[in-house]
Amino acid sequence: MTVQYLMIVVALAAATYVGLIVWRTVTYNTRARYHAQYLNSGRSFVYDSSELRQWHRRMQRKYEFAASRPWLAAETDPPPPE
């Protein structure tokens, strides 16, 4: 093994990690926008229960937090109330 080979390996590992961080940020922002869009639609106040609106609010906050810290893995989502 040469130093040049090790530098290439480290650079590839760093690029992979940066790609993961970018992917998580985009994914978490998309999920947060979905929940915010649901809450801002008129449908959420007419047809749905307050528990379902609260669940969407919690999911929106969770994904906004996760998008601001993409190096941390997000917890699994609890099932929506029925």
N, C-alpha and C. Protein backbone atom coordinates (compact mmCIF):
# COMPACT_ATOMS: atom_id res chain seq x y z
N MET A 1 0.84 -1.18 0.00
CA MET A 1 0.00 0.00 0.00
C MET A 1 0.88 1.24 0.00
N THR A 2 0.49 2.14 -0.83
CA THR A 2 1.23 3.40 -0.89
C THR A 2 0.38 4.50 -0.26
N VAL A 3 1.04 5.59 0.00
CA VAL A 3 0.34 6.74 0.57
C VAL A 3 -0.69 7.26 -0.42
N GLN A 4 -0.34 7.26 -1.69
CA GLN A 4 -1.28 7.73 -2.71
C GLN A 4 -2.55 6.88 -2.72
N TYR A 5 -2.42 5.58 -2.61
CA TYR A 5 -3.56 4.67 -2.57
C TYR A 5 -4.44 4.97 -1.35
N LEU A 6 -3.84 5.17 -0.20
CA LEU A 6 -4.59 5.47 1.01
C LEU A 6 -5.31 6.81 0.90
N MET A 7 -4.68 7.79 0.28
CA MET A 7 -5.31 9.09 0.08
C MET A 7 -6.54 8.97 -0.81
N ILE A 8 -6.45 8.13 -1.83
CA ILE A 8 -7.60 7.90 -2.72
C ILE A 8 -8.73 7.23 -1.96
N VAL A 9 -8.41 6.25 -1.14
CA VAL A 9 -9.43 5.55 -0.34
C VAL A 9 -10.12 6.53 0.61
N VAL A 10 -9.35 7.38 1.27
CA VAL A 10 -9.92 8.35 2.19
C VAL A 10 -10.80 9.36 1.43
N ALA A 11 -10.35 9.80 0.27
CA ALA A 11 -11.14 10.75 -0.53
C ALA A 11 -12.45 10.12 -0.97
N LEU A 12 -12.44 8.87 -1.38
CA LEU A 12 -13.67 8.18 -1.78
C LEU A 12 -14.62 8.00 -0.60
N ALA A 13 -14.08 7.69 0.55
CA ALA A 13 -14.92 7.54 1.74
C ALA A 13 -15.55 8.88 2.11
N ALA A 14 -14.80 9.95 2.03
CA ALA A 14 -15.34 11.28 2.34
C ALA A 14 -16.42 11.68 1.34
N ALA A 15 -16.20 11.40 0.06
CA ALA A 15 -17.19 11.73 -0.96
C ALA A 15 -18.47 10.94 -0.74
N THR A 16 -18.35 9.69 -0.35
CA THR A 16 -19.52 8.87 -0.06
C THR A 16 -20.29 9.42 1.13
N TYR A 17 -19.58 9.84 2.16
CA TYR A 17 -20.23 10.40 3.35
C TYR A 17 -20.94 11.70 3.02
N VAL A 18 -20.31 12.56 2.24
CA VAL A 18 -20.94 13.82 1.84
C VAL A 18 -22.18 13.54 1.01
N GLY A 19 -22.12 12.56 0.13
CA GLY A 19 -23.30 12.18 -0.65
C GLY A 19 -24.44 11.72 0.24
N LEU A 20 -24.11 10.95 1.26
CA LEU A 20 -25.13 10.49 2.20
C LEU A 20 -25.76 11.66 2.94
N ILE A 21 -24.96 12.61 3.37
CA ILE A 21 -25.47 13.78 4.09
C ILE A 21 -26.40 14.59 3.19
N VAL A 22 -26.00 14.80 1.94
CA VAL A 22 -26.84 15.56 1.01
C VAL A 22 -28.15 14.82 0.75
N TRP A 23 -28.07 13.51 0.56
CA TRP A 23 -29.27 12.71 0.30
C TRP A 23 -30.23 12.78 1.49
N ARG A 24 -29.69 12.65 2.69
CA ARG A 24 -30.55 12.72 3.88
C ARG A 24 -31.20 14.09 4.02
N THR A 25 -30.44 15.15 3.76
CA THR A 25 -30.99 16.50 3.87
C THR A 25 -32.15 16.69 2.90
N VAL A 26 -31.97 16.28 1.67
CA VAL A 26 -33.02 16.43 0.66
C VAL A 26 -34.24 15.59 1.05
N THR A 27 -34.01 14.36 1.46
CA THR A 27 -35.11 13.47 1.83
C THR A 27 -35.88 14.00 3.03
N TYR A 28 -35.18 14.43 4.07
CA TYR A 28 -35.85 14.93 5.26
C TYR A 28 -36.61 16.22 4.97
N ASN A 29 -36.02 17.11 4.16
CA ASN A 29 -36.74 18.34 3.79
C ASN A 29 -38.00 18.02 3.00
N THR A 30 -37.93 17.06 2.12
CA THR A 30 -39.10 16.66 1.34
C THR A 30 -40.20 16.13 2.24
N ARG A 31 -39.83 15.30 3.19
CA ARG A 31 -40.84 14.77 4.12
C ARG A 31 -41.44 15.85 5.00
N ALA A 32 -40.62 16.79 5.45
CA ALA A 32 -41.13 17.89 6.28
C ALA A 32 -42.09 18.75 5.46
N ARG A 33 -41.77 19.02 4.20
CA ARG A 33 -42.66 19.80 3.34
C ARG A 33 -43.96 19.07 3.09
N TYR A 34 -43.92 17.74 2.95
CA TYR A 34 -45.14 16.97 2.74
C TYR A 34 -46.09 17.14 3.93
N HIS A 35 -45.55 17.00 5.14
CA HIS A 35 -46.39 17.11 6.33
C HIS A 35 -46.90 18.54 6.51
N ALA A 36 -46.07 19.53 6.20
CA ALA A 36 -46.51 20.92 6.28
C ALA A 36 -47.59 21.20 5.25
N GLN A 37 -47.43 20.67 4.06
CA GLN A 37 -48.44 20.86 3.02
C GLN A 37 -49.76 20.23 3.43
N TYR A 38 -49.70 19.07 4.04
CA TYR A 38 -50.92 18.42 4.51
C TYR A 38 -51.62 19.29 5.56
N LEU A 39 -50.83 19.84 6.49
CA LEU A 39 -51.43 20.67 7.54
C LEU A 39 -51.99 21.97 6.99
N ASN A 40 -51.41 22.50 5.95
CA ASN A 40 -51.88 23.76 5.37
C ASN A 40 -53.04 23.59 4.41
N SER A 41 -53.35 22.37 4.05
CA SER A 41 -54.48 22.15 3.15
C SER A 41 -55.78 22.23 3.97
N GLY A 42 -56.84 22.61 3.34
CA GLY A 42 -58.13 22.69 4.03
C GLY A 42 -58.64 21.33 4.44
N ARG A 43 -58.17 20.29 3.77
CA ARG A 43 -58.63 18.93 4.06
C ARG A 43 -58.33 18.52 5.50
N SER A 44 -57.18 18.93 6.00
CA SER A 44 -56.78 18.47 7.33
C SER A 44 -57.69 19.01 8.43
N PHE A 45 -58.42 20.08 8.18
CA PHE A 45 -59.29 20.63 9.21
C PHE A 45 -60.74 20.19 9.06
N VAL A 46 -61.09 19.70 7.89
CA VAL A 46 -62.47 19.34 7.65
C VAL A 46 -62.72 17.86 7.92
N TYR A 47 -61.87 16.99 7.37
CA TYR A 47 -62.15 15.56 7.40
C TYR A 47 -61.38 14.77 8.44
N ASP A 48 -60.31 15.30 8.95
CA ASP A 48 -59.43 14.49 9.79
C ASP A 48 -59.56 14.82 11.26
N SER A 49 -59.15 13.88 12.08
CA SER A 49 -59.22 14.04 13.52
C SER A 49 -58.07 14.93 14.01
N SER A 50 -58.22 15.41 15.20
CA SER A 50 -57.16 16.25 15.77
C SER A 50 -55.91 15.41 16.04
N GLU A 51 -56.08 14.11 16.32
CA GLU A 51 -54.93 13.24 16.55
C GLU A 51 -54.09 13.12 15.28
N LEU A 52 -54.75 13.03 14.13
CA LEU A 52 -54.02 12.92 12.87
C LEU A 52 -53.30 14.23 12.56
N ARG A 53 -53.90 15.36 12.83
CA ARG A 53 -53.23 16.64 12.62
C ARG A 53 -52.02 16.77 13.55
N GLN A 54 -52.18 16.32 14.79
CA GLN A 54 -51.06 16.36 15.73
C GLN A 54 -49.92 15.46 15.27
N TRP A 55 -50.28 14.30 14.73
CA TRP A 55 -49.26 13.38 14.22
C TRP A 55 -48.49 14.04 13.07
N HIS A 56 -49.19 14.70 12.14
CA HIS A 56 -48.53 15.38 11.04
C HIS A 56 -47.65 16.52 11.56
N ARG A 57 -48.10 17.23 12.59
CA ARG A 57 -47.30 18.29 13.17
C ARG A 57 -46.02 17.74 13.78
N ARG A 58 -46.15 16.61 14.51
CA ARG A 58 -44.96 15.99 15.10
C ARG A 58 -43.99 15.52 14.02
N MET A 59 -44.53 14.92 12.95
CA MET A 59 -43.68 14.44 11.86
C MET A 59 -42.98 15.61 11.15
N GLN A 60 -43.69 16.71 10.99
CA GLN A 60 -43.07 17.88 10.36
C GLN A 60 -41.91 18.38 11.20
N ARG A 61 -42.12 18.54 12.51
CA ARG A 61 -41.04 19.00 13.38
C ARG A 61 -39.89 18.01 13.41
N LYS A 62 -40.20 16.73 13.43
CA LYS A 62 -39.17 15.70 13.46
C LYS A 62 -38.28 15.80 12.22
N TYR A 63 -38.88 15.93 11.05
CA TYR A 63 -38.08 15.97 9.83
C TYR A 63 -37.39 17.31 9.62
N GLU A 64 -37.95 18.39 10.13
CA GLU A 64 -37.23 19.66 10.09
C GLU A 64 -35.97 19.57 10.95
N PHE A 65 -36.09 18.97 12.13
CA PHE A 65 -34.95 18.78 13.00
C PHE A 65 -33.93 17.85 12.34
N ALA A 66 -34.41 16.75 11.75
CA ALA A 66 -33.50 15.79 11.11
C ALA A 66 -32.78 16.42 9.93
N ALA A 67 -33.45 17.29 9.18
CA ALA A 67 -32.81 17.95 8.03
C ALA A 67 -31.73 18.92 8.49
N SER A 68 -31.90 19.49 9.67
CA SER A 68 -30.88 20.41 10.18
C SER A 68 -29.67 19.68 10.76
N ARG A 69 -29.83 18.39 11.02
CA ARG A 69 -28.74 17.56 11.55
C ARG A 69 -28.70 16.23 10.80
N PRO A 70 -28.35 16.26 9.51
CA PRO A 70 -28.43 15.03 8.70
C PRO A 70 -27.39 13.98 9.05
N TRP A 71 -26.40 14.30 9.82
CA TRP A 71 -25.41 13.32 10.21
C TRP A 71 -25.96 12.36 11.26
N LEU A 72 -27.10 12.71 11.87
CA LEU A 72 -27.78 11.82 12.82
C LEU A 72 -28.90 11.08 12.09
N ALA A 73 -29.05 9.83 12.39
CA ALA A 73 -30.14 9.05 11.78
C ALA A 73 -31.45 9.39 12.47
N ALA A 74 -32.50 9.51 11.68
CA ALA A 74 -33.83 9.80 12.23
C ALA A 74 -34.44 8.50 12.78
N GLU A 75 -35.24 8.67 13.81
CA GLU A 75 -35.94 7.50 14.37
C GLU A 75 -37.02 7.06 13.40
N THR A 76 -37.49 5.85 13.57
CA THR A 76 -38.57 5.36 12.73
C THR A 76 -39.86 6.10 13.07
N ASP A 77 -40.73 6.22 12.09
CA ASP A 77 -41.98 6.93 12.29
C ASP A 77 -42.99 6.07 13.04
N PRO A 78 -43.69 6.66 14.00
CA PRO A 78 -44.78 5.91 14.61
C PRO A 78 -45.94 5.83 13.60
N PRO A 79 -46.76 4.83 13.69
CA PRO A 79 -47.88 4.74 12.74
C PRO A 79 -48.87 5.88 12.97
N PRO A 80 -49.50 6.34 11.90
CA PRO A 80 -50.50 7.40 12.07
C PRO A 80 -51.73 6.88 12.81
N PRO A 81 -52.38 7.73 13.55
CA PRO A 81 -53.60 7.29 14.24
C PRO A 81 -54.70 7.00 13.23
N GLU A 82 -55.59 6.15 13.62
CA GLU A 82 -56.68 5.79 12.71
C GLU A 82 -57.94 6.54 13.02
